[in-house]
N, C-alpha and C. Protein backbone atom coordinates (compact mmCIF):
# COMPACT_ATOMS: atom_id res chain seq x y z
N MET A 1 134.23 114.03 114.76
CA MET A 1 132.78 114.02 114.99
C MET A 1 132.33 112.60 115.32
N PRO A 2 131.23 112.46 116.09
CA PRO A 2 130.76 111.13 116.46
C PRO A 2 130.24 110.38 115.26
N ALA A 3 130.40 109.07 115.32
CA ALA A 3 129.90 108.23 114.23
C ALA A 3 128.39 108.21 114.26
N LEU A 4 127.80 107.97 113.11
CA LEU A 4 126.36 107.91 112.99
C LEU A 4 125.91 106.46 113.06
N HIS A 5 125.25 106.07 114.15
CA HIS A 5 124.80 104.70 114.33
C HIS A 5 123.28 104.67 114.13
N LEU A 6 122.85 104.22 112.97
CA LEU A 6 121.43 104.26 112.63
C LEU A 6 120.75 102.92 112.80
N ILE A 7 121.50 101.85 113.00
CA ILE A 7 120.90 100.54 113.15
C ILE A 7 121.57 99.82 114.30
N PRO A 8 120.89 98.83 114.88
CA PRO A 8 121.49 98.11 116.00
C PRO A 8 122.80 97.44 115.60
N ALA A 9 123.69 97.30 116.58
CA ALA A 9 125.00 96.72 116.30
C ALA A 9 124.93 95.28 115.85
N THR A 10 123.80 94.61 116.12
CA THR A 10 123.66 93.21 115.74
C THR A 10 123.42 93.03 114.25
N TYR A 11 123.11 94.12 113.52
CA TYR A 11 122.87 94.00 112.09
C TYR A 11 124.16 93.59 111.39
N ASN A 12 124.01 92.78 110.36
CA ASN A 12 125.18 92.39 109.56
C ASN A 12 125.37 93.44 108.48
N ILE A 13 126.40 94.25 108.62
CA ILE A 13 126.58 95.36 107.69
C ILE A 13 127.89 95.22 106.93
N VAL A 14 128.41 94.01 106.82
CA VAL A 14 129.66 93.83 106.11
C VAL A 14 129.57 94.38 104.69
N SER A 15 128.40 94.15 104.04
CA SER A 15 128.25 94.59 102.66
C SER A 15 128.26 96.09 102.54
N VAL A 16 127.96 96.81 103.65
CA VAL A 16 127.96 98.26 103.61
C VAL A 16 129.33 98.79 103.21
N MET A 17 130.38 98.14 103.68
CA MET A 17 131.72 98.64 103.46
C MET A 17 132.40 98.08 102.22
N ASP A 18 131.78 97.11 101.54
CA ASP A 18 132.44 96.42 100.46
C ASP A 18 132.63 97.29 99.21
N THR A 19 131.77 98.30 99.03
CA THR A 19 131.77 99.05 97.77
C THR A 19 133.10 99.73 97.51
N ARG A 20 133.90 99.98 98.53
CA ARG A 20 135.11 100.76 98.37
C ARG A 20 136.19 100.04 97.56
N SER A 21 136.05 98.76 97.33
CA SER A 21 137.05 98.02 96.57
C SER A 21 136.71 97.94 95.08
N PHE A 22 135.60 98.55 94.66
CA PHE A 22 135.16 98.46 93.28
C PHE A 22 135.43 99.77 92.53
N ASN A 23 135.61 99.67 91.22
CA ASN A 23 135.78 100.87 90.41
C ASN A 23 134.42 101.49 90.12
N PRO A 24 134.38 102.74 89.56
CA PRO A 24 133.11 103.44 89.35
C PRO A 24 132.10 102.66 88.51
N ILE A 25 132.56 101.96 87.48
CA ILE A 25 131.63 101.19 86.65
C ILE A 25 131.01 100.05 87.45
N ASP A 26 131.85 99.36 88.25
CA ASP A 26 131.33 98.29 89.08
C ASP A 26 130.28 98.81 90.06
N ARG A 27 130.56 99.96 90.63
CA ARG A 27 129.65 100.53 91.61
C ARG A 27 128.35 100.94 90.95
N LEU A 28 128.42 101.51 89.75
CA LEU A 28 127.20 101.89 89.03
C LEU A 28 126.35 100.67 88.71
N LEU A 29 127.01 99.60 88.25
CA LEU A 29 126.29 98.36 87.97
C LEU A 29 125.64 97.81 89.24
N GLY A 30 126.37 97.95 90.36
CA GLY A 30 125.82 97.50 91.64
C GLY A 30 124.58 98.30 92.01
N GLU A 31 124.59 99.60 91.73
CA GLU A 31 123.42 100.43 92.03
C GLU A 31 122.24 100.08 91.13
N ILE A 32 122.51 99.74 89.89
CA ILE A 32 121.44 99.32 88.98
C ILE A 32 120.81 98.03 89.49
N ASP A 33 121.67 97.13 89.98
CA ASP A 33 121.17 95.86 90.54
C ASP A 33 120.30 96.13 91.77
N LYS A 34 120.71 97.07 92.63
CA LYS A 34 119.92 97.41 93.79
C LYS A 34 118.55 97.96 93.36
N ALA A 35 118.56 98.82 92.34
CA ALA A 35 117.30 99.42 91.88
C ALA A 35 116.34 98.36 91.37
N ILE A 36 116.87 97.41 90.60
CA ILE A 36 116.02 96.34 90.06
C ILE A 36 115.41 95.53 91.21
N LYS A 37 116.21 95.25 92.22
CA LYS A 37 115.72 94.46 93.35
C LYS A 37 114.65 95.22 94.14
N VAL A 38 114.88 96.52 94.39
CA VAL A 38 113.90 97.31 95.13
C VAL A 38 112.57 97.35 94.39
N LEU A 39 112.64 97.45 93.05
CA LEU A 39 111.43 97.62 92.25
C LEU A 39 110.74 96.31 91.89
N THR A 40 111.43 95.19 91.98
CA THR A 40 110.83 93.94 91.49
C THR A 40 110.79 92.81 92.50
N VAL A 41 111.57 92.91 93.59
CA VAL A 41 111.64 91.80 94.55
C VAL A 41 111.06 92.26 95.88
N SER A 42 110.27 91.39 96.50
CA SER A 42 109.69 91.72 97.81
C SER A 42 110.81 91.93 98.83
N ALA A 43 110.72 93.06 99.53
CA ALA A 43 111.73 93.38 100.54
C ALA A 43 111.65 92.42 101.72
N ARG A 44 112.79 92.05 102.27
CA ARG A 44 112.86 91.16 103.43
C ARG A 44 113.35 91.96 104.63
N PRO A 45 112.51 92.17 105.64
CA PRO A 45 112.93 92.99 106.77
C PRO A 45 113.85 92.26 107.74
N ILE A 46 114.66 93.01 108.46
CA ILE A 46 115.46 92.46 109.55
C ILE A 46 114.63 92.46 110.83
N ARG A 47 113.89 93.56 111.02
CA ARG A 47 112.99 93.66 112.18
C ARG A 47 111.58 93.26 111.78
N GLU A 48 110.87 92.60 112.66
CA GLU A 48 109.49 92.24 112.40
C GLU A 48 108.63 93.50 112.37
N ALA A 49 107.55 93.46 111.61
CA ALA A 49 106.62 94.58 111.58
C ALA A 49 105.97 94.74 112.95
N PRO A 50 105.71 95.98 113.38
CA PRO A 50 105.08 96.20 114.70
C PRO A 50 103.78 95.40 114.82
N ALA A 51 103.64 94.69 115.94
CA ALA A 51 102.45 93.86 116.16
C ALA A 51 101.43 94.63 117.00
N VAL A 52 100.17 94.37 116.73
CA VAL A 52 99.08 94.96 117.51
C VAL A 52 98.09 93.86 117.85
N ALA A 53 97.28 94.11 118.87
CA ALA A 53 96.24 93.16 119.24
C ALA A 53 95.21 93.07 118.11
N PRO A 54 94.53 91.94 118.00
CA PRO A 54 93.50 91.81 116.96
C PRO A 54 92.51 92.97 117.03
N GLU A 55 92.19 93.52 115.90
CA GLU A 55 91.28 94.67 115.87
C GLU A 55 89.88 94.27 116.32
N ALA A 56 89.28 95.11 117.15
CA ALA A 56 87.93 94.83 117.65
C ALA A 56 86.92 94.94 116.53
N GLU A 57 87.17 95.82 115.60
CA GLU A 57 86.24 96.02 114.50
C GLU A 57 86.98 95.88 113.17
N SER A 58 86.36 95.28 112.22
CA SER A 58 86.97 95.17 110.90
C SER A 58 86.76 96.50 110.16
N LEU A 59 87.64 96.75 109.21
CA LEU A 59 87.53 97.98 108.43
C LEU A 59 86.40 97.88 107.42
N SER A 60 85.70 98.99 107.24
CA SER A 60 84.71 99.06 106.18
C SER A 60 85.44 99.08 104.85
N GLU A 61 84.71 98.88 103.77
CA GLU A 61 85.33 98.89 102.46
C GLU A 61 85.98 100.24 102.17
N ALA A 62 85.29 101.32 102.55
CA ALA A 62 85.84 102.66 102.33
C ALA A 62 87.10 102.88 103.16
N GLU A 63 87.11 102.39 104.40
CA GLU A 63 88.30 102.53 105.25
C GLU A 63 89.45 101.70 104.72
N ARG A 64 89.15 100.49 104.26
CA ARG A 64 90.20 99.63 103.70
C ARG A 64 90.80 100.28 102.46
N LEU A 65 89.96 100.85 101.60
CA LEU A 65 90.44 101.48 100.39
C LEU A 65 91.34 102.67 100.70
N GLU A 66 90.91 103.50 101.66
CA GLU A 66 91.71 104.66 102.04
C GLU A 66 93.04 104.23 102.66
N SER A 67 93.01 103.25 103.54
CA SER A 67 94.24 102.76 104.15
C SER A 67 95.18 102.22 103.07
N GLY A 68 94.63 101.51 102.11
CA GLY A 68 95.45 100.97 101.03
C GLY A 68 96.12 102.07 100.22
N ARG A 69 95.38 103.13 99.94
CA ARG A 69 95.96 104.23 99.18
C ARG A 69 97.06 104.94 99.96
N LEU A 70 96.81 105.15 101.24
CA LEU A 70 97.82 105.83 102.07
C LEU A 70 99.08 104.97 102.22
N MET A 71 98.89 103.67 102.42
CA MET A 71 100.06 102.81 102.56
C MET A 71 100.80 102.66 101.23
N ARG A 72 100.08 102.79 100.11
CA ARG A 72 100.76 102.79 98.81
C ARG A 72 101.67 104.02 98.70
N VAL A 73 101.17 105.16 99.16
CA VAL A 73 102.00 106.37 99.16
C VAL A 73 103.24 106.17 100.04
N ASN A 74 103.04 105.57 101.22
CA ASN A 74 104.17 105.34 102.12
C ASN A 74 105.18 104.36 101.52
N HIS A 75 104.66 103.36 100.83
CA HIS A 75 105.56 102.39 100.17
C HIS A 75 106.39 103.12 99.11
N SER A 76 105.77 103.98 98.34
CA SER A 76 106.51 104.75 97.33
C SER A 76 107.55 105.63 97.98
N GLY A 77 107.19 106.20 99.14
CA GLY A 77 108.16 107.02 99.86
C GLY A 77 109.38 106.23 100.28
N GLU A 78 109.17 104.97 100.65
CA GLU A 78 110.31 104.13 101.05
C GLU A 78 111.12 103.67 99.85
N VAL A 79 110.47 103.50 98.70
CA VAL A 79 111.21 103.23 97.47
C VAL A 79 112.13 104.42 97.18
N ALA A 80 111.57 105.64 97.31
CA ALA A 80 112.36 106.85 97.08
C ALA A 80 113.49 106.97 98.10
N ALA A 81 113.22 106.57 99.35
CA ALA A 81 114.25 106.64 100.39
C ALA A 81 115.43 105.75 100.05
N GLN A 82 115.15 104.54 99.55
CA GLN A 82 116.24 103.67 99.14
C GLN A 82 117.09 104.35 98.07
N ALA A 83 116.42 104.96 97.10
CA ALA A 83 117.14 105.61 96.01
C ALA A 83 117.94 106.80 96.51
N LEU A 84 117.36 107.61 97.39
CA LEU A 84 118.05 108.78 97.93
C LEU A 84 119.34 108.39 98.66
N TYR A 85 119.22 107.41 99.54
CA TYR A 85 120.38 107.00 100.34
C TYR A 85 121.46 106.36 99.47
N HIS A 86 121.05 105.49 98.55
CA HIS A 86 122.06 104.83 97.71
C HIS A 86 122.69 105.81 96.74
N GLY A 87 121.90 106.72 96.19
CA GLY A 87 122.46 107.71 95.27
C GLY A 87 123.46 108.62 95.96
N GLN A 88 123.11 109.06 97.17
CA GLN A 88 124.01 109.94 97.90
C GLN A 88 125.26 109.20 98.35
N ALA A 89 125.11 107.96 98.78
CA ALA A 89 126.27 107.17 99.21
C ALA A 89 127.24 106.93 98.06
N MET A 90 126.70 106.76 96.85
CA MET A 90 127.55 106.48 95.70
C MET A 90 128.48 107.64 95.36
N THR A 91 127.98 108.87 95.52
CA THR A 91 128.77 110.02 95.11
C THR A 91 129.50 110.71 96.28
N SER A 92 129.21 110.29 97.52
CA SER A 92 129.86 110.91 98.67
C SER A 92 131.36 110.59 98.68
N SER A 93 132.17 111.59 98.97
CA SER A 93 133.61 111.39 99.07
C SER A 93 134.05 111.20 100.52
N ASP A 94 133.09 111.20 101.45
CA ASP A 94 133.37 111.07 102.87
C ASP A 94 133.05 109.64 103.31
N PRO A 95 134.04 108.83 103.66
CA PRO A 95 133.78 107.44 104.04
C PRO A 95 132.82 107.28 105.20
N GLU A 96 132.89 108.18 106.18
CA GLU A 96 131.99 108.08 107.33
C GLU A 96 130.54 108.32 106.91
N VAL A 97 130.33 109.32 106.08
CA VAL A 97 128.99 109.63 105.61
C VAL A 97 128.46 108.51 104.72
N GLU A 98 129.30 107.99 103.84
CA GLU A 98 128.86 106.90 102.97
C GLU A 98 128.41 105.68 103.77
N ALA A 99 129.21 105.31 104.77
CA ALA A 99 128.85 104.16 105.60
C ALA A 99 127.55 104.40 106.34
N ALA A 100 127.37 105.61 106.86
CA ALA A 100 126.15 105.94 107.59
C ALA A 100 124.93 105.87 106.70
N LEU A 101 125.06 106.37 105.47
CA LEU A 101 123.95 106.34 104.53
C LEU A 101 123.55 104.91 104.17
N ARG A 102 124.54 104.06 103.99
CA ARG A 102 124.22 102.68 103.62
C ARG A 102 123.61 101.93 104.81
N ARG A 103 124.02 102.27 106.02
CA ARG A 103 123.36 101.68 107.20
C ARG A 103 121.91 102.14 107.27
N ALA A 104 121.69 103.42 107.00
CA ALA A 104 120.33 103.96 107.03
C ALA A 104 119.46 103.27 105.99
N ALA A 105 120.01 102.98 104.82
CA ALA A 105 119.25 102.31 103.78
C ALA A 105 118.80 100.92 104.24
N ILE A 106 119.65 100.24 105.02
CA ILE A 106 119.27 98.92 105.55
C ILE A 106 118.06 99.05 106.47
N GLU A 107 118.08 100.05 107.33
CA GLU A 107 116.96 100.25 108.25
C GLU A 107 115.71 100.67 107.50
N GLU A 108 115.86 101.54 106.50
CA GLU A 108 114.71 101.95 105.70
C GLU A 108 114.13 100.79 104.93
N ASN A 109 114.95 99.79 104.64
CA ASN A 109 114.43 98.60 103.95
C ASN A 109 113.37 97.89 104.79
N ASP A 110 113.49 97.95 106.12
CA ASP A 110 112.43 97.41 106.97
C ASP A 110 111.12 98.13 106.71
N HIS A 111 111.19 99.44 106.61
CA HIS A 111 109.97 100.23 106.34
C HIS A 111 109.35 99.80 105.02
N LEU A 112 110.19 99.61 104.02
CA LEU A 112 109.70 99.18 102.72
C LEU A 112 108.96 97.86 102.82
N ALA A 113 109.55 96.92 103.55
CA ALA A 113 108.92 95.60 103.71
C ALA A 113 107.62 95.69 104.52
N TRP A 114 107.61 96.51 105.57
CA TRP A 114 106.40 96.64 106.38
C TRP A 114 105.25 97.22 105.56
N CYS A 115 105.54 98.24 104.76
CA CYS A 115 104.49 98.86 103.94
C CYS A 115 103.97 97.85 102.90
N GLU A 116 104.88 97.09 102.31
CA GLU A 116 104.46 96.09 101.33
C GLU A 116 103.59 95.01 101.96
N LEU A 117 103.97 94.59 103.17
CA LEU A 117 103.17 93.60 103.90
C LEU A 117 101.78 94.13 104.20
N ARG A 118 101.73 95.37 104.68
CA ARG A 118 100.42 95.94 105.02
C ARG A 118 99.56 96.12 103.77
N LEU A 119 100.18 96.50 102.66
CA LEU A 119 99.41 96.61 101.42
C LEU A 119 98.78 95.28 101.04
N ALA A 120 99.54 94.20 101.18
CA ALA A 120 99.00 92.87 100.86
C ALA A 120 97.84 92.53 101.78
N GLU A 121 97.97 92.88 103.07
CA GLU A 121 96.89 92.61 104.02
C GLU A 121 95.63 93.40 103.68
N LEU A 122 95.79 94.55 103.08
CA LEU A 122 94.66 95.41 102.73
C LEU A 122 94.16 95.13 101.31
N ASN A 123 94.73 94.12 100.66
CA ASN A 123 94.41 93.82 99.25
C ASN A 123 94.70 95.01 98.35
N GLY A 124 95.76 95.75 98.71
CA GLY A 124 96.15 96.89 97.91
C GLY A 124 97.26 96.53 96.94
N ARG A 125 97.82 97.53 96.30
CA ARG A 125 98.89 97.31 95.31
C ARG A 125 99.91 98.41 95.43
N THR A 126 101.09 98.16 94.92
CA THR A 126 102.12 99.19 94.91
C THR A 126 101.89 100.13 93.72
N SER A 127 102.54 101.27 93.74
CA SER A 127 102.34 102.26 92.70
C SER A 127 103.05 101.88 91.40
N ALA A 128 102.36 102.09 90.28
CA ALA A 128 102.97 101.85 88.98
C ALA A 128 104.05 102.88 88.67
N LEU A 129 104.07 103.97 89.44
CA LEU A 129 105.03 105.04 89.18
C LEU A 129 106.34 104.88 89.96
N ASN A 130 106.49 103.79 90.69
CA ASN A 130 107.68 103.61 91.51
C ASN A 130 109.00 103.71 90.74
N PRO A 131 109.11 103.18 89.52
CA PRO A 131 110.37 103.36 88.78
C PRO A 131 110.72 104.82 88.56
N LEU A 132 109.71 105.65 88.32
CA LEU A 132 109.93 107.07 88.13
C LEU A 132 110.42 107.71 89.42
N TRP A 133 109.79 107.36 90.54
CA TRP A 133 110.20 107.92 91.83
C TRP A 133 111.63 107.48 92.17
N TYR A 134 111.96 106.25 91.88
CA TYR A 134 113.32 105.77 92.18
C TYR A 134 114.36 106.53 91.37
N ALA A 135 114.11 106.66 90.07
CA ALA A 135 115.09 107.32 89.21
C ALA A 135 115.30 108.77 89.63
N GLY A 136 114.20 109.48 89.86
CA GLY A 136 114.32 110.89 90.25
C GLY A 136 115.00 111.05 91.60
N SER A 137 114.65 110.21 92.56
CA SER A 137 115.24 110.30 93.89
C SER A 137 116.72 109.94 93.88
N PHE A 138 117.07 108.95 93.07
CA PHE A 138 118.49 108.57 92.98
C PHE A 138 119.31 109.74 92.44
N ALA A 139 118.77 110.42 91.43
CA ALA A 139 119.48 111.56 90.86
C ALA A 139 119.63 112.68 91.89
N LEU A 140 118.58 112.95 92.66
CA LEU A 140 118.64 113.97 93.70
C LEU A 140 119.69 113.60 94.76
N GLY A 141 119.66 112.34 95.17
CA GLY A 141 120.62 111.88 96.18
C GLY A 141 122.04 111.98 95.67
N ALA A 142 122.25 111.57 94.43
CA ALA A 142 123.60 111.62 93.86
C ALA A 142 124.11 113.06 93.79
N ALA A 143 123.22 113.98 93.43
CA ALA A 143 123.62 115.39 93.38
C ALA A 143 123.97 115.91 94.77
N ALA A 144 123.17 115.54 95.76
CA ALA A 144 123.40 115.98 97.13
C ALA A 144 124.74 115.43 97.66
N GLY A 145 125.02 114.17 97.35
CA GLY A 145 126.26 113.56 97.81
C GLY A 145 127.48 114.21 97.20
N ALA A 146 127.36 114.66 95.95
CA ALA A 146 128.50 115.26 95.26
C ALA A 146 128.79 116.67 95.76
N ILE A 147 127.80 117.34 96.35
CA ILE A 147 128.00 118.72 96.80
C ILE A 147 128.97 118.80 97.97
N GLY A 148 128.85 117.85 98.89
CA GLY A 148 129.75 117.87 100.05
C GLY A 148 129.03 117.46 101.32
N ARG A 149 129.81 117.29 102.38
CA ARG A 149 129.30 116.73 103.63
C ARG A 149 128.16 117.55 104.25
N GLY A 150 128.41 118.85 104.44
CA GLY A 150 127.42 119.66 105.15
C GLY A 150 126.08 119.73 104.47
N ILE A 151 126.07 120.05 103.17
CA ILE A 151 124.82 120.14 102.42
C ILE A 151 124.22 118.76 102.23
N GLY A 152 125.07 117.75 102.00
CA GLY A 152 124.55 116.40 101.84
C GLY A 152 123.80 115.93 103.07
N LEU A 153 124.40 116.14 104.24
CA LEU A 153 123.74 115.77 105.49
C LEU A 153 122.52 116.66 105.74
N GLY A 154 122.60 117.92 105.32
CA GLY A 154 121.44 118.79 105.43
C GLY A 154 120.29 118.30 104.61
N PHE A 155 120.60 117.72 103.46
CA PHE A 155 119.58 117.12 102.60
C PHE A 155 118.89 115.96 103.31
N VAL A 156 119.69 115.13 104.00
CA VAL A 156 119.13 114.02 104.78
C VAL A 156 118.22 114.54 105.88
N ALA A 157 118.71 115.53 106.64
CA ALA A 157 117.93 116.08 107.75
C ALA A 157 116.62 116.68 107.27
N GLU A 158 116.66 117.43 106.18
CA GLU A 158 115.44 118.05 105.66
C GLU A 158 114.47 116.99 105.13
N THR A 159 115.01 115.96 104.47
CA THR A 159 114.16 114.88 103.99
C THR A 159 113.42 114.22 105.14
N GLU A 160 114.14 113.94 106.22
CA GLU A 160 113.52 113.27 107.35
C GLU A 160 112.48 114.14 108.04
N ARG A 161 112.72 115.46 108.09
CA ARG A 161 111.71 116.36 108.66
C ARG A 161 110.44 116.34 107.84
N GLN A 162 110.59 116.34 106.52
CA GLN A 162 109.41 116.32 105.67
C GLN A 162 108.68 114.99 105.75
N VAL A 163 109.43 113.90 105.86
CA VAL A 163 108.81 112.58 106.00
C VAL A 163 108.04 112.49 107.32
N GLU A 164 108.64 113.01 108.39
CA GLU A 164 107.96 112.99 109.69
C GLU A 164 106.62 113.72 109.60
N SER A 165 106.63 114.90 108.97
CA SER A 165 105.39 115.66 108.82
C SER A 165 104.37 114.90 107.99
N HIS A 166 104.84 114.27 106.94
CA HIS A 166 103.99 113.49 106.06
C HIS A 166 103.33 112.31 106.81
N LEU A 167 104.11 111.61 107.63
CA LEU A 167 103.60 110.47 108.38
C LEU A 167 102.57 110.92 109.43
N LYS A 168 102.83 112.05 110.05
CA LYS A 168 101.85 112.58 111.01
C LYS A 168 100.52 112.86 110.33
N GLY A 169 100.59 113.41 109.13
CA GLY A 169 99.36 113.67 108.38
C GLY A 169 98.60 112.39 108.07
N HIS A 170 99.31 111.34 107.72
CA HIS A 170 98.66 110.07 107.42
C HIS A 170 98.05 109.45 108.67
N MET A 171 98.70 109.61 109.80
CA MET A 171 98.14 109.10 111.06
C MET A 171 96.80 109.73 111.35
N GLN A 172 96.65 111.00 110.99
CA GLN A 172 95.39 111.70 111.20
C GLN A 172 94.31 111.24 110.22
N ARG A 173 94.72 110.82 109.04
CA ARG A 173 93.75 110.42 108.02
C ARG A 173 93.32 108.97 108.14
N LEU A 174 94.13 108.13 108.75
CA LEU A 174 93.77 106.72 108.90
C LEU A 174 92.58 106.56 109.83
N SER A 175 91.76 105.56 109.55
CA SER A 175 90.65 105.23 110.44
C SER A 175 91.18 104.83 111.81
N PRO A 176 90.53 105.25 112.91
CA PRO A 176 90.95 104.81 114.24
C PRO A 176 90.95 103.30 114.37
N ALA A 177 90.15 102.61 113.55
CA ALA A 177 90.09 101.15 113.62
C ALA A 177 91.32 100.48 113.01
N ASP A 178 92.06 101.22 112.20
CA ASP A 178 93.22 100.61 111.51
C ASP A 178 94.46 100.73 112.40
N GLN A 179 94.47 99.98 113.47
CA GLN A 179 95.58 100.03 114.41
C GLN A 179 96.86 99.43 113.83
N ARG A 180 96.72 98.47 112.94
CA ARG A 180 97.89 97.84 112.32
C ARG A 180 98.70 98.86 111.52
N SER A 181 98.03 99.62 110.65
CA SER A 181 98.74 100.63 109.86
C SER A 181 99.31 101.70 110.76
N ARG A 182 98.56 102.09 111.77
CA ARG A 182 99.02 103.12 112.70
C ARG A 182 100.32 102.69 113.41
N ALA A 183 100.38 101.44 113.84
CA ALA A 183 101.57 100.95 114.52
C ALA A 183 102.78 100.97 113.60
N ILE A 184 102.58 100.62 112.35
CA ILE A 184 103.69 100.62 111.39
C ILE A 184 104.18 102.04 111.15
N LEU A 185 103.26 102.98 110.94
CA LEU A 185 103.67 104.36 110.69
C LEU A 185 104.35 104.97 111.91
N ASP A 186 103.88 104.63 113.09
CA ASP A 186 104.50 105.16 114.30
C ASP A 186 105.94 104.68 114.43
N ALA A 187 106.18 103.40 114.17
CA ALA A 187 107.55 102.86 114.23
C ALA A 187 108.43 103.51 113.16
N MET A 188 107.89 103.70 111.97
CA MET A 188 108.64 104.36 110.92
C MET A 188 109.00 105.79 111.32
N MET A 189 108.06 106.49 111.91
CA MET A 189 108.28 107.87 112.28
C MET A 189 109.40 108.00 113.31
N GLN A 190 109.44 107.08 114.26
CA GLN A 190 110.52 107.10 115.27
C GLN A 190 111.89 106.94 114.61
N ASP A 191 111.97 106.06 113.62
CA ASP A 191 113.24 105.88 112.91
C ASP A 191 113.62 107.15 112.14
N GLU A 192 112.63 107.77 111.48
CA GLU A 192 112.92 108.95 110.67
C GLU A 192 113.43 110.09 111.55
N VAL A 193 112.81 110.27 112.71
CA VAL A 193 113.26 111.33 113.62
C VAL A 193 114.70 111.09 114.04
N ARG A 194 115.02 109.84 114.31
CA ARG A 194 116.37 109.48 114.73
C ARG A 194 117.39 109.72 113.61
N HIS A 195 117.00 109.37 112.38
CA HIS A 195 117.90 109.59 111.25
C HIS A 195 118.23 111.07 111.09
N GLY A 196 117.18 111.91 111.16
CA GLY A 196 117.39 113.33 111.00
C GLY A 196 118.26 113.91 112.10
N SER A 197 118.03 113.46 113.33
CA SER A 197 118.80 113.93 114.47
C SER A 197 120.28 113.57 114.34
N HIS A 198 120.55 112.35 113.87
CA HIS A 198 121.94 111.92 113.71
C HIS A 198 122.63 112.68 112.58
N ALA A 199 121.88 112.98 111.53
CA ALA A 199 122.47 113.77 110.44
C ALA A 199 122.88 115.15 110.95
N GLU A 200 122.05 115.74 111.81
CA GLU A 200 122.40 117.03 112.38
C GLU A 200 123.61 116.92 113.29
N THR A 201 123.70 115.83 114.04
CA THR A 201 124.85 115.62 114.92
C THR A 201 126.14 115.53 114.13
N MET A 202 126.05 114.97 112.94
CA MET A 202 127.25 114.78 112.12
C MET A 202 127.69 116.06 111.40
N GLY A 203 126.85 117.10 111.44
CA GLY A 203 127.26 118.36 110.83
C GLY A 203 126.40 118.82 109.68
N ALA A 204 125.11 118.46 109.68
CA ALA A 204 124.21 118.90 108.62
C ALA A 204 124.11 120.43 108.61
N ARG A 205 124.12 120.99 107.42
CA ARG A 205 123.94 122.44 107.26
C ARG A 205 122.54 122.72 106.73
N PRO A 206 121.93 123.83 107.16
CA PRO A 206 120.60 124.19 106.65
C PRO A 206 120.64 124.36 105.13
N LEU A 207 119.60 123.89 104.47
CA LEU A 207 119.53 124.02 103.02
C LEU A 207 118.99 125.39 102.62
N PRO A 208 119.36 125.88 101.45
CA PRO A 208 118.76 127.11 100.94
C PRO A 208 117.24 126.94 100.85
N SER A 209 116.49 127.99 101.14
CA SER A 209 115.03 127.89 101.17
C SER A 209 114.46 127.43 99.84
N VAL A 210 115.09 127.82 98.74
CA VAL A 210 114.57 127.42 97.43
C VAL A 210 114.68 125.91 97.24
N LEU A 211 115.75 125.30 97.79
CA LEU A 211 115.92 123.85 97.68
C LEU A 211 114.91 123.12 98.57
N SER A 212 114.67 123.64 99.77
CA SER A 212 113.67 123.03 100.65
C SER A 212 112.29 123.09 100.00
N LEU A 213 111.98 124.21 99.36
CA LEU A 213 110.68 124.34 98.68
C LEU A 213 110.58 123.36 97.52
N ALA A 214 111.66 123.22 96.76
CA ALA A 214 111.65 122.27 95.65
C ALA A 214 111.43 120.84 96.14
N MET A 215 112.02 120.50 97.28
CA MET A 215 111.84 119.17 97.85
C MET A 215 110.39 118.95 98.27
N ARG A 216 109.76 119.97 98.86
CA ARG A 216 108.36 119.84 99.27
C ARG A 216 107.45 119.68 98.06
N LEU A 217 107.72 120.43 97.00
CA LEU A 217 106.90 120.32 95.79
C LEU A 217 107.05 118.94 95.15
N THR A 218 108.28 118.44 95.13
CA THR A 218 108.53 117.11 94.58
C THR A 218 107.81 116.04 95.40
N SER A 219 107.86 116.19 96.72
CA SER A 219 107.18 115.25 97.61
C SER A 219 105.68 115.27 97.38
N ARG A 220 105.13 116.46 97.18
CA ARG A 220 103.69 116.56 96.94
C ARG A 220 103.31 115.88 95.63
N LEU A 221 104.15 116.02 94.62
CA LEU A 221 103.88 115.36 93.33
C LEU A 221 103.88 113.86 93.51
N MET A 222 104.86 113.33 94.23
CA MET A 222 104.93 111.89 94.45
C MET A 222 103.75 111.39 95.27
N THR A 223 103.38 112.14 96.29
CA THR A 223 102.27 111.73 97.15
C THR A 223 100.97 111.65 96.37
N THR A 224 100.72 112.68 95.58
CA THR A 224 99.47 112.71 94.79
C THR A 224 99.47 111.60 93.74
N GLY A 225 100.59 111.44 93.05
CA GLY A 225 100.64 110.43 92.00
C GLY A 225 100.48 109.03 92.54
N SER A 226 101.15 108.71 93.64
CA SER A 226 101.09 107.35 94.19
C SER A 226 99.75 107.06 94.83
N TYR A 227 99.07 108.08 95.31
CA TYR A 227 97.75 107.87 95.93
C TYR A 227 96.77 107.30 94.91
N TRP A 228 96.88 107.77 93.65
CA TRP A 228 95.90 107.36 92.64
C TRP A 228 96.43 106.28 91.68
N VAL A 229 97.72 106.25 91.42
CA VAL A 229 98.24 105.36 90.36
C VAL A 229 99.16 104.30 90.93
């Protein structure tokens, strides 16, 4: 099957392949270190955030508040994405899938940084519930990775479909004046579509309807919680 190329070849991904020389305890400690960094350290992107021309009109206070809440939700989604990819990569027994997942996590880290940057510009804050979202998502990812290649990749594809739908909804809710947030979400959406497409190319299998429903309900819980807290 074709390899999954989720990031440009110029990215430095040496660390993606290093985990294979460590024992399970070392790898678990490494994942704990990743979690601490995602939750406590400002993400550093490889790609610059999408640029837009200076806005003709400034946002009203109500528009700024709504944009901040929506971008907080998106930031939490990217925290969860890091956990999903790393959890699944840790338990995957397929070297090709593991490498692809870790490459995807690098690209998703750009999204995390862009959302954090936009939140700062909007005088917003990240969600206090992010540790909960990370822990739950890591567990889901680890379970998906342990099941096997087809279902694991199906989990990725379904996640990306739901994220795409979620981002489209936010684009509709953002003020037309908030071109900066719109540009960021549009770039994120293009990446998510590509991730899902590549997962399908690698052999993703459709998930049972009950699992897809559970994922949607979990996503709704995270979206509602992060919007307010």
